[in-house]
Amino acid sequence: PKLDINSEDGYHGLVKENETLVEVTPAIRAIGAPVKEFRIVNKHHGEAPFEIIKKADGYAELRARRVLNCEKRRNYKFDIAAVGEDGKESS
C-alpha cells in the first residue's frame, strides 16, 4: 500500500484541549493494496503518544493515547506508514 498524500507537505494534526481525537489534514488514507495496519515510525523527538486506528473504508484516525499537556509540549513530529498484508511498510 501507499499513503495517499503529497510527501512534501505531509500531514498536519490538531487536537482540542481535553480531547484525544486528532483532526488530521489531509485525511490518513492508503491506496494501491489492502492495509493490515497503520504504524507510527521514525519518531523525531522521542515519544509519540499516539495510535493510528484503521477504519473499514481505507482511512485511519489518529488518537492521542491520553489527554495531552500542551503547556508542557506543543507539538510532535513523526512519520506514518501503511503496512500491507505482506508486512511491507509504505515508503
C-alpha atoms as a PDB file:
ATOM      1  CA  PRO A   1       0.000   0.000   0.000  1.00  0.00           C
ATOM      2  CA  LYS A   2       0.948   3.628  -0.425  1.00  0.00           C
ATOM      3  CA  LEU A   3      -0.165   6.631   1.623  1.00  0.00           C
ATOM      4  CA  ASP A   4      -2.401   8.926  -0.407  1.00  0.00           C
ATOM      5  CA  ILE A   5      -0.506  12.156   0.314  1.00  0.00           C
ATOM      6  CA  ASN A   6       1.881  14.682  -1.183  1.00  0.00           C
ATOM      7  CA  SER A   7       5.043  13.767   0.742  1.00  0.00           C
ATOM      8  CA  GLU A   8       6.406  17.311   0.587  1.00  0.00           C
ATOM      9  CA  ASP A   9       3.513  18.772   2.565  1.00  0.00           C
ATOM     10  CA  GLY A  10       2.885  15.895   4.975  1.00  0.00           C
ATOM     11  CA  TYR A  11       0.051  15.730   7.460  1.00  0.00           C
ATOM     12  CA  HIS A  12      -0.942  18.360   9.987  1.00  0.00           C
ATOM     13  CA  GLY A  13      -2.945  17.488  13.050  1.00  0.00           C
ATOM     14  CA  LEU A  14      -4.713  19.467  15.730  1.00  0.00           C
ATOM     15  CA  VAL A  15      -6.124  18.141  18.975  1.00  0.00           C
ATOM     16  CA  LYS A  16      -8.518  20.139  21.119  1.00  0.00           C
ATOM     17  CA  GLU A  17      -7.933  20.604  24.822  1.00  0.00           C
ATOM     18  CA  ASN A  18      -9.178  17.642  26.886  1.00  0.00           C
ATOM     19  CA  GLU A  19      -9.796  15.503  23.777  1.00  0.00           C
ATOM     20  CA  THR A  20      -7.861  12.647  22.211  1.00  0.00           C
ATOM     21  CA  LEU A  21      -9.101  12.600  18.607  1.00  0.00           C
ATOM     22  CA  VAL A  22      -6.627  14.411  16.349  1.00  0.00           C
ATOM     23  CA  GLU A  23      -8.089  16.308  13.392  1.00  0.00           C
ATOM     24  CA  VAL A  24      -5.663  15.392  10.596  1.00  0.00           C
ATOM     25  CA  THR A  25      -5.396  17.215   7.265  1.00  0.00           C
ATOM     26  CA  PRO A  26      -5.403  15.644   4.739  1.00  0.00           C
ATOM     27  CA  ALA A  27      -7.153  12.520   5.993  1.00  0.00           C
ATOM     28  CA  ILE A  28      -4.915   9.472   6.554  1.00  0.00           C
ATOM     29  CA  ARG A  29      -5.621   7.038   3.731  1.00  0.00           C
ATOM     30  CA  ALA A  30      -3.760   4.303   1.868  1.00  0.00           C
ATOM     31  CA  ILE A  31      -4.221   3.272  -1.753  1.00  0.00           C
ATOM     32  CA  GLY A  32      -2.980   0.548  -4.081  1.00  0.00           C
ATOM     33  CA  ALA A  33      -3.257  -2.533  -1.854  1.00  0.00           C
ATOM     34  CA  PRO A  34      -5.102  -3.781   1.227  1.00  0.00           C
ATOM     35  CA  VAL A  35      -3.809  -2.376   4.516  1.00  0.00           C
ATOM     36  CA  LYS A  36      -3.227  -4.575   7.538  1.00  0.00           C
ATOM     37  CA  GLU A  37      -2.456  -1.633   9.839  1.00  0.00           C
ATOM     38  CA  PHE A  38      -1.053   1.874  10.029  1.00  0.00           C
ATOM     39  CA  ARG A  39       2.052   2.433  12.122  1.00  0.00           C
ATOM     40  CA  ILE A  40       3.922   5.383  13.632  1.00  0.00           C
ATOM     41  CA  VAL A  41       7.553   5.170  12.585  1.00  0.00           C
ATOM     42  CA  ASN A  42      10.655   7.345  12.810  1.00  0.00           C
ATOM     43  CA  LYS A  43       9.758   9.385  15.882  1.00  0.00           C
ATOM     44  CA  HIS A  44      11.824  12.557  15.506  1.00  0.00           C
ATOM     45  CA  HIS A  45      11.810  13.701  19.124  1.00  0.00           C
ATOM     46  CA  GLY A  46      11.341  10.635  21.302  1.00  0.00           C
ATOM     47  CA  GLU A  47       7.902   9.545  22.413  1.00  0.00           C
ATOM     48  CA  ALA A  48       4.847   9.932  20.206  1.00  0.00           C
ATOM     49  CA  PRO A  49       1.859   9.271  22.486  1.00  0.00           C
ATOM     50  CA  PHE A  50      -0.482   8.487  19.621  1.00  0.00           C
ATOM     51  CA  GLU A  51      -2.067   5.489  17.943  1.00  0.00           C
ATOM     52  CA  ILE A  52      -3.464   5.106  14.466  1.00  0.00           C
ATOM     53  CA  ILE A  53      -6.761   3.282  14.224  1.00  0.00           C
ATOM     54  CA  LYS A  54      -7.588   1.663  10.888  1.00  0.00           C
ATOM     55  CA  LYS A  55     -11.150   2.147   9.735  1.00  0.00           C
ATOM     56  CA  ALA A  56     -13.048  -0.121   7.352  1.00  0.00           C
ATOM     57  CA  ASP A  57     -13.130   2.399   4.486  1.00  0.00           C
ATOM     58  CA  GLY A  58      -9.351   2.545   3.898  1.00  0.00           C
ATOM     59  CA  TYR A  59      -8.977   5.621   6.059  1.00  0.00           C
ATOM     60  CA  ALA A  60      -7.487   5.856   9.539  1.00  0.00           C
ATOM     61  CA  GLU A  61      -7.826   8.145  12.516  1.00  0.00           C
ATOM     62  CA  LEU A  62      -5.111   9.413  14.797  1.00  0.00           C
ATOM     63  CA  ARG A  63      -5.763   9.436  18.532  1.00  0.00           C
ATOM     64  CA  ALA A  64      -3.687  10.546  21.477  1.00  0.00           C
ATOM     65  CA  ARG A  65      -3.218   7.707  23.973  1.00  0.00           C
ATOM     66  CA  ARG A  66      -4.004  10.191  26.744  1.00  0.00           C
ATOM     67  CA  VAL A  67      -5.091  13.812  27.101  1.00  0.00           C
ATOM     68  CA  LEU A  68      -2.056  15.880  26.143  1.00  0.00           C
ATOM     69  CA  ASN A  69      -0.489  18.651  28.211  1.00  0.00           C
ATOM     70  CA  CYS A  70       0.018  21.326  25.547  1.00  0.00           C
ATOM     71  CA  GLU A  71       1.695  23.669  28.010  1.00  0.00           C
ATOM     72  CA  LYS A  72       4.417  21.083  28.537  1.00  0.00           C
ATOM     73  CA  ARG A  73       4.815  20.154  24.864  1.00  0.00           C
ATOM     74  CA  ARG A  74       3.104  21.915  21.967  1.00  0.00           C
ATOM     75  CA  ASN A  75       3.945  19.679  19.011  1.00  0.00           C
ATOM     76  CA  TYR A  76       5.116  16.252  17.921  1.00  0.00           C
ATOM     77  CA  LYS A  77       6.725  15.164  14.685  1.00  0.00           C
ATOM     78  CA  PHE A  78       6.676  11.607  13.376  1.00  0.00           C
ATOM     79  CA  ASP A  79       6.161   9.615  10.212  1.00  0.00           C
ATOM     80  CA  ILE A  80       3.261   7.330   9.389  1.00  0.00           C
ATOM     81  CA  ALA A  81       3.476   4.109   7.376  1.00  0.00           C
ATOM     82  CA  ALA A  82       0.791   1.885   5.934  1.00  0.00           C
ATOM     83  CA  VAL A  83       1.553  -1.810   6.408  1.00  0.00           C
ATOM     84  CA  GLY A  84       0.287  -4.255   3.808  1.00  0.00           C
ATOM     85  CA  GLU A  85      -0.983  -7.785   4.297  1.00  0.00           C
ATOM     86  CA  ASP A  86       2.533  -8.971   3.357  1.00  0.00           C
ATOM     87  CA  GLY A  87       4.065  -6.970   6.243  1.00  0.00           C
ATOM     88  CA  LYS A  88       5.798  -4.439   3.998  1.00  0.00           C
ATOM     89  CA  GLU A  89       5.665  -0.775   5.025  1.00  0.00           C
ATOM     90  CA  SER A  90       4.881   2.028   2.614  1.00  0.00           C
ATOM     91  CA  SER A  91       7.790   4.337   1.947  1.00  0.00           C
END
